[in-house]
Structure formats: structure tokens, C-alpha cells
C-alpha atoms as a PDB file:
ATOM      1  CA  UNK A   1      86.224 100.526  59.237  1.00  0.00           C
ATOM      2  CA  UNK A   2      84.898 104.073  58.904  1.00  0.00           C
ATOM      3  CA  UNK A   3      81.609 103.033  60.503  1.00  0.00           C
ATOM      4  CA  UNK A   4      83.308 101.316  63.424  1.00  0.00           C
ATOM      5  CA  UNK A   5      85.476 104.396  64.046  1.00  0.00           C
ATOM      6  CA  UNK A   6      82.388 106.622  64.119  1.00  0.00           C
ATOM      7  CA  UNK A   7      80.712 104.252  66.581  1.00  0.00           C
ATOM      8  CA  UNK A   8      83.837 104.246  68.753  1.00  0.00           C
ATOM      9  CA  UNK A   9      83.992 108.049  68.800  1.00  0.00           C
ATOM     10  CA  UNK A  10      80.291 108.222  69.601  1.00  0.00           C
ATOM     11  CA  UNK A  11      80.440 105.979  72.665  1.00  0.00           C
ATOM     12  CA  UNK A  12      83.978 106.887  73.774  1.00  0.00           C
ATOM     13  CA  UNK A  13      82.805 109.502  76.346  1.00  0.00           C
ATOM     14  CA  UNK A  14      80.296 107.019  77.811  1.00  0.00           C
ATOM     15  CA  UNK A  15      83.090 104.620  78.775  1.00  0.00           C
ATOM     16  CA  UNK A  16      85.809 107.166  79.571  1.00  0.00           C
ATOM     17  CA  UNK A  17      83.949 109.782  81.606  1.00  0.00           C
ATOM     18  CA  UNK A  18      83.019 107.561  84.616  1.00  0.00           C
ATOM     19  CA  UNK A  19      86.619 106.357  84.960  1.00  0.00           C
ATOM     20  CA  UNK A  20      88.012 109.848  84.437  1.00  0.00           C
ATOM     21  CA  UNK A  21      85.597 111.296  87.008  1.00  0.00           C
ATOM     22  CA  UNK A  22      86.528 108.631  89.577  1.00  0.00           C
ATOM     23  CA  UNK A  23      90.254 109.169  88.899  1.00  0.00           C
ATOM     24  CA  UNK A  24      89.829 112.931  89.323  1.00  0.00           C
ATOM     25  CA  UNK A  25      87.799 112.717  92.537  1.00  0.00           C
ATOM     26  CA  UNK A  26      89.775 109.968  94.265  1.00  0.00           C
ATOM     27  CA  UNK A  27      93.319 110.670  93.037  1.00  0.00           C
ATOM     28  CA  UNK A  28      93.954 114.054  91.413  1.00  0.00           C
ATOM     29  CA  UNK A  29      91.934 116.140  93.909  1.00  0.00           C
ATOM     30  CA  UNK A  30      93.365 114.458  97.075  1.00  0.00           C
ATOM     31  CA  UNK A  31      96.860 114.616  95.562  1.00  0.00           C
ATOM     32  CA  UNK A  32      96.639 118.352  94.884  1.00  0.00           C
ATOM     33  CA  UNK A  33      95.021 118.939  98.285  1.00  0.00           C
ATOM     34  CA  UNK A  34      97.859 117.010  99.937  1.00  0.00           C
ATOM     35  CA  UNK A  35     100.490 119.179  98.246  1.00  0.00           C
ATOM     36  CA  UNK A  36      98.687 122.292  99.461  1.00  0.00           C
ATOM     37  CA  UNK A  37      98.449 120.950 103.032  1.00  0.00           C
ATOM     38  CA  UNK A  38     102.193 120.274 103.096  1.00  0.00           C
ATOM     39  CA  UNK A  39     102.683 124.050 103.266  1.00  0.00           C
ATOM     40  CA  UNK A  40     100.340 124.452 106.248  1.00  0.00           C
ATOM     41  CA  UNK A  41     100.057 123.576 109.910  1.00  0.00           C
ATOM     42  CA  UNK A  42      96.809 121.736 110.559  1.00  0.00           C
ATOM     43  CA  UNK A  43      94.976 119.129 112.576  1.00  0.00           C
ATOM     44  CA  UNK A  44      91.988 119.039 110.208  1.00  0.00           C
ATOM     45  CA  UNK A  45      91.556 120.373 106.679  1.00  0.00           C
ATOM     46  CA  UNK A  46      89.345 123.230 107.959  1.00  0.00           C
ATOM     47  CA  UNK A  47      91.896 124.793 110.348  1.00  0.00           C
ATOM     48  CA  UNK A  48      94.981 124.759 108.074  1.00  0.00           C
ATOM     49  CA  UNK A  49      97.318 127.774 108.465  1.00  0.00           C
ATOM     50  CA  UNK A  50      99.961 128.579 105.849  1.00  0.00           C
ATOM     51  CA  UNK A  51     103.550 128.223 107.135  1.00  0.00           C
ATOM     52  CA  UNK A  52     105.500 128.185 103.860  1.00  0.00           C
ATOM     53  CA  UNK A  53     108.332 125.646 103.582  1.00  0.00           C
ATOM     54  CA  UNK A  54     108.658 125.318 107.362  1.00  0.00           C
ATOM     55  CA  UNK A  55     107.320 121.749 107.300  1.00  0.00           C
ATOM     56  CA  UNK A  56     109.931 120.688 104.729  1.00  0.00           C
ATOM     57  CA  UNK A  57     112.739 122.241 106.761  1.00  0.00           C
ATOM     58  CA  UNK A  58     111.436 120.574 109.896  1.00  0.00           C
ATOM     59  CA  UNK A  59     111.268 117.191 108.167  1.00  0.00           C
ATOM     60  CA  UNK A  60     114.996 117.227 107.368  1.00  0.00           C
ATOM     61  CA  UNK A  61     116.488 119.416 110.121  1.00  0.00           C
ATOM     62  CA  UNK A  62     114.396 118.569 113.192  1.00  0.00           C
ATOM     63  CA  UNK A  63     113.721 114.901 112.453  1.00  0.00           C
ATOM     64  CA  UNK A  64     116.776 112.657 112.136  1.00  0.00           C
ATOM     65  CA  UNK A  65     114.478 109.636 111.952  1.00  0.00           C
ATOM     66  CA  UNK A  66     113.276 110.721 108.504  1.00  0.00           C
ATOM     67  CA  UNK A  67     116.799 110.972 107.103  1.00  0.00           C
ATOM     68  CA  UNK A  68     117.667 107.574 108.617  1.00  0.00           C
ATOM     69  CA  UNK A  69     114.483 106.044 107.180  1.00  0.00           C
ATOM     70  CA  UNK A  70     115.410 107.434 103.752  1.00  0.00           C
ATOM     71  CA  UNK A  71     118.872 105.861 103.888  1.00  0.00           C
ATOM     72  CA  UNK A  72     117.532 102.558 105.237  1.00  0.00           C
ATOM     73  CA  UNK A  73     114.861 102.394 102.521  1.00  0.00           C
ATOM     74  CA  UNK A  74     117.357 103.199  99.761  1.00  0.00           C
ATOM     75  CA  UNK A  75     119.754 100.453 100.915  1.00  0.00           C
ATOM     76  CA  UNK A  76     116.926  97.950 101.354  1.00  0.00           C
ATOM     77  CA  UNK A  77     115.539  98.756  97.877  1.00  0.00           C
ATOM     78  CA  UNK A  78     118.962  98.390  96.240  1.00  0.00           C
ATOM     79  CA  UNK A  79     119.613  94.976  97.813  1.00  0.00           C
ATOM     80  CA  UNK A  80     116.071  93.770  97.097  1.00  0.00           C
ATOM     81  CA  UNK A  81     116.044  94.935  93.466  1.00  0.00           C
ATOM     82  CA  UNK A  82     119.271  93.051  92.739  1.00  0.00           C
ATOM     83  CA  UNK A  83     118.363  89.876  94.639  1.00  0.00           C
ATOM     84  CA  UNK A  84     114.750  89.645  93.432  1.00  0.00           C
ATOM     85  CA  UNK A  85     115.597  90.172  89.772  1.00  0.00           C
ATOM     86  CA  UNK A  86     118.669  87.931  89.702  1.00  0.00           C
ATOM     87  CA  UNK A  87     116.893  85.019  91.413  1.00  0.00           C
ATOM     88  CA  UNK A  88     113.632  85.401  89.468  1.00  0.00           C
ATOM     89  CA  UNK A  89     115.537  85.560  86.154  1.00  0.00           C
ATOM     90  CA  UNK A  90     117.549  82.466  87.101  1.00  0.00           C
ATOM     91  CA  UNK A  91     114.328  80.599  87.931  1.00  0.00           C
ATOM     92  CA  UNK A  92     112.773  81.751  84.657  1.00  0.00           C
ATOM     93  CA  UNK A  93     115.760  80.372  82.742  1.00  0.00           C
ATOM     94  CA  UNK A  94     115.434  77.075  84.587  1.00  0.00           C
ATOM     95  CA  UNK A  95     111.683  76.794  84.026  1.00  0.00           C
ATOM     96  CA  UNK A  96     111.913  77.461  80.273  1.00  0.00           C
ATOM     97  CA  UNK A  97     114.100  74.439  79.612  1.00  0.00           C
ATOM     98  CA  UNK A  98     111.171  72.034  79.314  1.00  0.00           C
ATOM     99  CA  UNK A  99     111.702  70.341  82.670  1.00  0.00           C
ATOM    100  CA  UNK A 100     109.047  67.935  83.932  1.00  0.00           C
ATOM    101  CA  UNK A 101     106.517  69.592  86.279  1.00  0.00           C
ATOM    102  CA  UNK A 102     107.373  73.110  85.107  1.00  0.00           C
ATOM    103  CA  UNK A 103     103.785  74.376  85.399  1.00  0.00           C
ATOM    104  CA  UNK A 104     103.526  73.087  88.975  1.00  0.00           C
ATOM    105  CA  UNK A 105     106.720  74.889  89.987  1.00  0.00           C
ATOM    106  CA  UNK A 106     105.528  78.106  88.321  1.00  0.00           C
ATOM    107  CA  UNK A 107     102.320  77.985  90.364  1.00  0.00           C
ATOM    108  CA  UNK A 108     104.185  77.248  93.602  1.00  0.00           C
ATOM    109  CA  UNK A 109     106.621  80.133  93.114  1.00  0.00           C
ATOM    110  CA  UNK A 110     103.785  82.535  92.218  1.00  0.00           C
ATOM    111  CA  UNK A 111     101.545  81.720  95.221  1.00  0.00           C
ATOM    112  CA  UNK A 112     103.364  83.952  97.812  1.00  0.00           C
ATOM    113  CA  UNK A 113     102.438  87.009  95.740  1.00  0.00           C
ATOM    114  CA  UNK A 114      98.764  86.346  96.523  1.00  0.00           C
ATOM    115  CA  UNK A 115      99.267  86.744 100.293  1.00  0.00           C
ATOM    116  CA  UNK A 116      98.552  90.190 101.764  1.00  0.00           C
ATOM    117  CA  UNK A 117     101.501  92.187 103.068  1.00  0.00           C
ATOM    118  CA  UNK A 118     100.323  92.457 106.687  1.00  0.00           C
ATOM    119  CA  UNK A 119      99.675  88.692 106.888  1.00  0.00           C
ATOM    120  CA  UNK A 120     103.016  88.009 105.225  1.00  0.00           C
ATOM    121  CA  UNK A 121     104.782  90.199 107.782  1.00  0.00           C
ATOM    122  CA  UNK A 122     103.267  88.373 110.766  1.00  0.00           C
ATOM    123  CA  UNK A 123     103.999  84.960 109.228  1.00  0.00           C
ATOM    124  CA  UNK A 124     107.660  85.787 108.684  1.00  0.00           C
ATOM    125  CA  UNK A 125     107.866  87.404 112.122  1.00  0.00           C
ATOM    126  CA  UNK A 126     106.853  84.061 113.649  1.00  0.00           C
ATOM    127  CA  UNK A 127     109.220  82.084 111.411  1.00  0.00           C
ATOM    128  CA  UNK A 128     112.276  84.303 111.958  1.00  0.00           C
ATOM    129  CA  UNK A 129     111.683  84.684 115.690  1.00  0.00           C
ATOM    130  CA  UNK A 130     111.231  80.913 115.937  1.00  0.00           C
ATOM    131  CA  UNK A 131     114.780  80.500 114.638  1.00  0.00           C
ATOM    132  CA  UNK A 132     116.342  83.433 116.516  1.00  0.00           C
ATOM    133  CA  UNK A 133     114.908  82.414 119.892  1.00  0.00           C
ATOM    134  CA  UNK A 134     117.150  79.372 119.793  1.00  0.00           C
ATOM    135  CA  UNK A 135     119.906  81.935 120.355  1.00  0.00           C
ATOM    136  CA  UNK A 136     117.894  83.853 123.019  1.00  0.00           C
ATOM    137  CA  UNK A 137     117.229  86.865 120.719  1.00  0.00           C
ATOM    138  CA  UNK A 138     114.444  88.000 118.403  1.00  0.00           C
ATOM    139  CA  UNK A 139     114.157  90.139 115.271  1.00  0.00           C
ATOM    140  CA  UNK A 140     114.087  93.357 117.323  1.00  0.00           C
ATOM    141  CA  UNK A 141     117.492  92.555 118.890  1.00  0.00           C
ATOM    142  CA  UNK A 142     119.460  94.060 116.014  1.00  0.00           C
ATOM    143  CA  UNK A 143     118.695  96.279 113.017  1.00  0.00           C
ATOM    144  CA  UNK A 144     120.638  93.790 110.859  1.00  0.00           C
ATOM    145  CA  UNK A 145     118.135  91.048 111.713  1.00  0.00           C
ATOM    146  CA  UNK A 146     115.255  93.314 110.723  1.00  0.00           C
ATOM    147  CA  UNK A 147     116.976  94.410 107.507  1.00  0.00           C
ATOM    148  CA  UNK A 148     117.712  90.901 106.257  1.00  0.00           C
ATOM    149  CA  UNK A 149     114.314  89.712 107.471  1.00  0.00           C
ATOM    150  CA  UNK A 150     112.663  92.350 105.268  1.00  0.00           C
ATOM    151  CA  UNK A 151     114.890  91.387 102.328  1.00  0.00           C
ATOM    152  CA  UNK A 152     114.008  87.709 102.793  1.00  0.00           C
ATOM    153  CA  UNK A 153     110.285  88.493 103.017  1.00  0.00           C
ATOM    154  CA  UNK A 154     110.397  90.699  99.909  1.00  0.00           C
ATOM    155  CA  UNK A 155     112.250  88.077  97.887  1.00  0.00           C
ATOM    156  CA  UNK A 156     109.807  85.367  98.933  1.00  0.00           C
ATOM    157  CA  UNK A 157     106.843  87.527  97.928  1.00  0.00           C
ATOM    158  CA  UNK A 158     108.059  89.065  94.663  1.00  0.00           C
ATOM    159  CA  UNK A 159     110.283  86.445  93.021  1.00  0.00           C
ATOM    160  CA  UNK A 160     107.379  84.372  91.674  1.00  0.00           C
ATOM    161  CA  UNK A 161     105.631  87.380  90.143  1.00  0.00           C
ATOM    162  CA  UNK A 162     108.779  88.682  88.457  1.00  0.00           C
ATOM    163  CA  UNK A 163     109.617  85.145  87.314  1.00  0.00           C
ATOM    164  CA  UNK A 164     106.354  84.961  85.331  1.00  0.00           C
ATOM    165  CA  UNK A 165     107.227  88.206  83.518  1.00  0.00           C
ATOM    166  CA  UNK A 166     110.724  86.937  82.709  1.00  0.00           C
ATOM    167  CA  UNK A 167     109.317  83.634  81.439  1.00  0.00           C
ATOM    168  CA  UNK A 168     107.049  85.550  79.044  1.00  0.00           C
ATOM    169  CA  UNK A 169     110.054  87.531  77.809  1.00  0.00           C
ATOM    170  CA  UNK A 170     112.241  84.446  77.327  1.00  0.00           C
ATOM    171  CA  UNK A 171     109.503  82.583  75.466  1.00  0.00           C
ATOM    172  CA  UNK A 172     109.208  85.551  73.105  1.00  0.00           C
ATOM    173  CA  UNK A 173     112.811  85.153  71.885  1.00  0.00           C
ATOM    174  CA  UNK A 174     112.810  83.711  68.329  1.00  0.00           C
ATOM    175  CA  UNK A 175     113.955  80.079  68.385  1.00  0.00           C
ATOM    176  CA  UNK A 176     115.923  80.488  65.151  1.00  0.00           C
ATOM    177  CA  UNK A 177     118.080  83.139  66.857  1.00  0.00           C
ATOM    178  CA  UNK A 178     119.099  80.690  69.595  1.00  0.00           C
ATOM    179  CA  UNK A 179     119.658  77.946  67.024  1.00  0.00           C
ATOM    180  CA  UNK A 180     121.828  80.226  64.894  1.00  0.00           C
ATOM    181  CA  UNK A 181     123.963  81.065  67.939  1.00  0.00           C
ATOM    182  CA  UNK A 182     124.380  77.349  68.717  1.00  0.00           C
ATOM    183  CA  UNK A 183     125.388  76.617  65.115  1.00  0.00           C
ATOM    184  CA  UNK A 184     127.974  79.427  65.261  1.00  0.00           C
ATOM    185  CA  UNK A 185     129.457  77.753  68.350  1.00  0.00           C
ATOM    186  CA  UNK A 186     128.320  80.280  70.972  1.00  0.00           C
ATOM    187  CA  UNK A 187     128.656  78.943  74.517  1.00  0.00           C
ATOM    188  CA  UNK A 188     125.601  78.939  76.867  1.00  0.00           C
ATOM    189  CA  UNK A 189     127.057  81.890  78.796  1.00  0.00           C
ATOM    190  CA  UNK A 190     127.716  83.872  75.627  1.00  0.00           C
ATOM    191  CA  UNK A 191     124.191  83.109  74.395  1.00  0.00           C
ATOM    192  CA  UNK A 192     122.826  84.304  77.723  1.00  0.00           C
ATOM    193  CA  UNK A 193     124.667  87.629  77.817  1.00  0.00           C
ATOM    194  CA  UNK A 194     124.713  88.422  74.089  1.00  0.00           C
ATOM    195  CA  UNK A 195     121.241  87.230  73.061  1.00  0.00           C
ATOM    196  CA  UNK A 196     118.857  86.325  75.876  1.00  0.00           C
ATOM    197  CA  UNK A 197     119.462  89.246  78.247  1.00  0.00           C
ATOM    198  CA  UNK A 198     119.394  91.937  75.502  1.00  0.00           C
ATOM    199  CA  UNK A 199     116.221  90.385  74.045  1.00  0.00           C
ATOM    200  CA  UNK A 200     114.397  90.375  77.404  1.00  0.00           C
ATOM    201  CA  UNK A 201     115.325  93.950  78.310  1.00  0.00           C
ATOM    202  CA  UNK A 202     111.641  95.052  78.119  1.00  0.00           C
ATOM    203  CA  UNK A 203     110.869  92.447  80.789  1.00  0.00           C
ATOM    204  CA  UNK A 204     113.858  93.604  82.841  1.00  0.00           C
ATOM    205  CA  UNK A 205     112.609  97.201  82.588  1.00  0.00           C
ATOM    206  CA  UNK A 206     109.162  96.208  83.858  1.00  0.00           C
ATOM    207  CA  UNK A 207     110.478  93.976  86.647  1.00  0.00           C
ATOM    208  CA  UNK A 208     112.958  96.545  87.914  1.00  0.00           C
ATOM    209  CA  UNK A 209     110.280  99.236  87.912  1.00  0.00           C
ATOM    210  CA  UNK A 210     107.811  97.018  89.807  1.00  0.00           C
ATOM    211  CA  UNK A 211     110.468  95.924  92.305  1.00  0.00           C
ATOM    212  CA  UNK A 212     111.566  99.515  92.868  1.00  0.00           C
ATOM    213  CA  UNK A 213     108.002 100.685  93.424  1.00  0.00           C
ATOM    214  CA  UNK A 214     107.126  97.804  95.759  1.00  0.00           C
ATOM    215  CA  UNK A 215     110.267  98.062  97.895  1.00  0.00           C
ATOM    216  CA  UNK A 216     110.431 101.852  98.182  1.00  0.00           C
ATOM    217  CA  UNK A 217     106.795 102.224  99.240  1.00  0.00           C
ATOM    218  CA  UNK A 218     106.684  99.135 101.449  1.00  0.00           C
ATOM    219  CA  UNK A 219     104.517  99.713 104.525  1.00  0.00           C
ATOM    220  CA  UNK A 220     102.452  96.814 105.873  1.00  0.00           C
ATOM    221  CA  UNK A 221     105.206  94.134 105.873  1.00  0.00           C
ATOM    222  CA  UNK A 222     107.514  96.615 107.631  1.00  0.00           C
ATOM    223  CA  UNK A 223     104.824  97.364 110.213  1.00  0.00           C
ATOM    224  CA  UNK A 224     104.059  93.677 110.859  1.00  0.00           C
ATOM    225  CA  UNK A 225     107.607  92.275 110.731  1.00  0.00           C
ATOM    226  CA  UNK A 226     109.632  94.792 112.735  1.00  0.00           C
ATOM    227  CA  UNK A 227     107.429  97.818 113.464  1.00  0.00           C
ATOM    228  CA  UNK A 228     110.639  99.848 113.109  1.00  0.00           C
ATOM    229  CA  UNK A 229     112.344  98.075 116.039  1.00  0.00           C
ATOM    230  CA  UNK A 230     114.859  98.401 117.517  1.00  0.00           C
ATOM    231  CA  UNK A 231     114.574 102.129 118.265  1.00  0.00           C
ATOM    232  CA  UNK A 232     113.088 102.826 114.783  1.00  0.00           C
ATOM    233  CA  UNK A 233     116.315 101.655 113.126  1.00  0.00           C
ATOM    234  CA  UNK A 234     114.354  99.462 110.695  1.00  0.00           C
ATOM    235  CA  UNK A 235     111.654 102.057 110.062  1.00  0.00           C
ATOM    236  CA  UNK A 236     111.147 102.632 106.338  1.00  0.00           C
ATOM    237  CA  UNK A 237     109.875 105.819 104.702  1.00  0.00           C
ATOM    238  CA  UNK A 238     106.202 104.875 104.441  1.00  0.00           C
ATOM    239  CA  UNK A 239     106.075 103.762 108.085  1.00  0.00           C
ATOM    240  CA  UNK A 240     107.956 106.897 109.191  1.00  0.00           C
ATOM    241  CA  UNK A 241     105.423 109.102 107.395  1.00  0.00           C
ATOM    242  CA  UNK A 242     102.541 107.185 108.975  1.00  0.00           C
ATOM    243  CA  UNK A 243     104.050 107.495 112.465  1.00  0.00           C
ATOM    244  CA  UNK A 244     104.712 111.209 111.961  1.00  0.00           C
ATOM    245  CA  UNK A 245     101.202 111.961 110.751  1.00  0.00           C
ATOM    246  CA  UNK A 246      99.257 109.867 113.256  1.00  0.00           C
ATOM    247  CA  UNK A 247     101.672 109.523 116.156  1.00  0.00           C
ATOM    248  CA  UNK A 248     102.990 113.063 116.750  1.00  0.00           C
ATOM    249  CA  UNK A 249     100.601 115.830 117.740  1.00  0.00           C
ATOM    250  CA  UNK A 250     100.990 118.977 115.650  1.00  0.00           C
ATOM    251  CA  UNK A 251     103.187 117.220 113.078  1.00  0.00           C
ATOM    252  CA  UNK A 252     100.455 116.501 110.528  1.00  0.00           C
ATOM    253  CA  UNK A 253     101.828 119.163 108.169  1.00  0.00           C
ATOM    254  CA  UNK A 254     105.333 117.718 108.507  1.00  0.00           C
ATOM    255  CA  UNK A 255     103.974 114.256 107.754  1.00  0.00           C
ATOM    256  CA  UNK A 256     102.285 115.627 104.642  1.00  0.00           C
ATOM    257  CA  UNK A 257     105.525 117.344 103.573  1.00  0.00           C
ATOM    258  CA  UNK A 258     107.375 114.041 104.006  1.00  0.00           C
ATOM    259  CA  UNK A 259     104.765 112.340 101.811  1.00  0.00           C
ATOM    260  CA  UNK A 260     105.349 114.893  99.037  1.00  0.00           C
ATOM    261  CA  UNK A 261     109.137 114.443  99.286  1.00  0.00           C
ATOM    262  CA  UNK A 262     108.577 110.677  99.247  1.00  0.00           C
ATOM    263  CA  UNK A 263     106.539 110.921  96.038  1.00  0.00           C
ATOM    264  CA  UNK A 264     109.155 113.121  94.337  1.00  0.00           C
ATOM    265  CA  UNK A 265     112.008 110.755  95.262  1.00  0.00           C
ATOM    266  CA  UNK A 266     110.192 107.634  94.033  1.00  0.00           C
ATOM    267  CA  UNK A 267     109.061 109.374  90.830  1.00  0.00           C
ATOM    268  CA  UNK A 268     112.578 110.634  90.038  1.00  0.00           C
ATOM    269  CA  UNK A 269     114.265 107.280  90.709  1.00  0.00           C
ATOM    270  CA  UNK A 270     111.620 105.387  88.726  1.00  0.00           C
ATOM    271  CA  UNK A 271     111.940 107.823  85.809  1.00  0.00           C
ATOM    272  CA  UNK A 272     115.744 107.513  85.726  1.00  0.00           C
ATOM    273  CA  UNK A 273     115.552 103.721  85.944  1.00  0.00           C
ATOM    274  CA  UNK A 274     113.074 103.553  83.064  1.00  0.00           C
ATOM    275  CA  UNK A 275     115.230 105.845  80.908  1.00  0.00           C
ATOM    276  CA  UNK A 276     118.397 103.828  81.578  1.00  0.00           C
ATOM    277  CA  UNK A 277     116.859 100.425  80.906  1.00  0.00           C
ATOM    278  CA  UNK A 278     114.840 101.609  77.891  1.00  0.00           C
ATOM    279  CA  UNK A 279     118.078 102.611  76.149  1.00  0.00           C
ATOM    280  CA  UNK A 280     119.295  99.015  76.324  1.00  0.00           C
ATOM    281  CA  UNK A 281     116.176  97.470  74.825  1.00  0.00           C
ATOM    282  CA  UNK A 282     116.579  95.668  71.528  1.00  0.00           C
ATOM    283  CA  UNK A 283     113.953  95.900  68.798  1.00  0.00           C
ATOM    284  CA  UNK A 284     112.821  92.450  67.717  1.00  0.00           C
END
């Protein structure tokens, strides 16, 4: 054991340094540079001029679209987190009952997660518009159509992935615990809420975090499905930042400030969610 530890310490830098160097160059440096640029007015990195917090003020005061995008994204994330996790957990319960063809159904439900977001957006745009055109409208006719279209797309993409995580959590519950509950006369609903859900709280924590991250930073499906139509009413935060940075001359600094605010919001919400769900986890 002592020898193996010495060998590990000897070669540890060889394996860690390349990854650490790549992480520093491609993440930490651009991240810090981006924070610095959010306090400047610039068109390129070389002509940046310091303007203080003017970009942050401009993002909230002079751009109502950003505030609307924040509210729209928050509502969309809330609905998606609830629907994705409830449906995926229900499917996981169903597919851990030993039904015939369970493995086939698991594969089928997981497949949508393998499709790229931009492709997924265009596919669902065609499907939804194919239905709506029977009523002489399309997805850009109303913000409600775009909202529920995005929710439907997100559920279709993420449910299978979250289901696999829930299945792993349910299969990790000790069988004797379920049998003891049955012997004591616990009903299926009582077993679900008093044993199964508390025991799979680590899986719930992971799934809620992943759903939150995926929905709040959604970009390519939003771009392909609605493009923010009508009148940018279905524009989410990531798409709003992109349009500000690349679509409005002289607003690059504002776009960068929005990106920093976006990061802070997602980090804070994710941290609070992890703290709340971690408290409810049960040690096995």
C-alpha cells in the first residue's frame, strides 16, 4: 500500500497538470476576462474602455427585453423541472416492477437525449406547426404556443435521461426494507412517500440540478423552435444575451454584463436547490 501511494504521488502531476492547464486556459482565463470586459465598452478586446457598472445598469434599466427574458426563463424552468422530474420518476417506478420488455422501453425513452438541441428544435418546430396549421396559425402566433412547445420539447428530451438516474436510485433501495414495510401493512402510497422517495433523495438532488441547469441555460432549442417569436416574447436568457452581443452594435459590454448576471443567478439558484435537497437525503 505504501509503495502504491508513493507511485501515485510520483505520477500525479503527470496526469493532473495537462488537464489543469487546459482548464485554466480554456475556462478560468476566459471567465475572468469576461468579468473584466463586463465593466467596459468594447467592440474587440484591444479597444476596451472602462465604464464602471454602466453596462449592468443599462442591462436592467434600458433593456426591458432582458427583464422579460429573465421572467420567462424562470417560469419555463419551474414548469419544466416539475414536469420532467415527476414524469421521469413515474416512469422509473413503472420500469422497476419487472415488466416484460423493460430494457427496450428504457432504451426508447433514453434515445431523445442523444439528439442535438438545434436538430431537436427544428424537428419539433415542424411537428408543432404541422398541428397548428390545421387551425391557420403557427408557433409564432402566440407566446403561449412557444412556451408550451418549449416545455414539451424539454420533457421529450430530458425525461429518459432523468429516468435512468431514478431507476439506479430505486434499484439501490434495500429489498428487505420494502418487504418489512409490506409485512407491517404499509400501503403502496405510504411505501412510496415514506420509504422510496426519501431513499432516492440523492437521485432527486442530481436530477433537479441537471434539469435546472439544462432549462435555465437553454439556447439552441429556443433558437430553432421559436427564435424568440412573437416579438421576442419567447426569448430566453441565453438567446437574449446572444442577440445583445452579436445583434446590437455597441452593446457588446452590455451583453457581457448580462452573461455575468446570468451566471450569478444560475449559480445561486443551483446552490440553494442543492442545499435544500441535500438536507432531505437519508443515509443508507
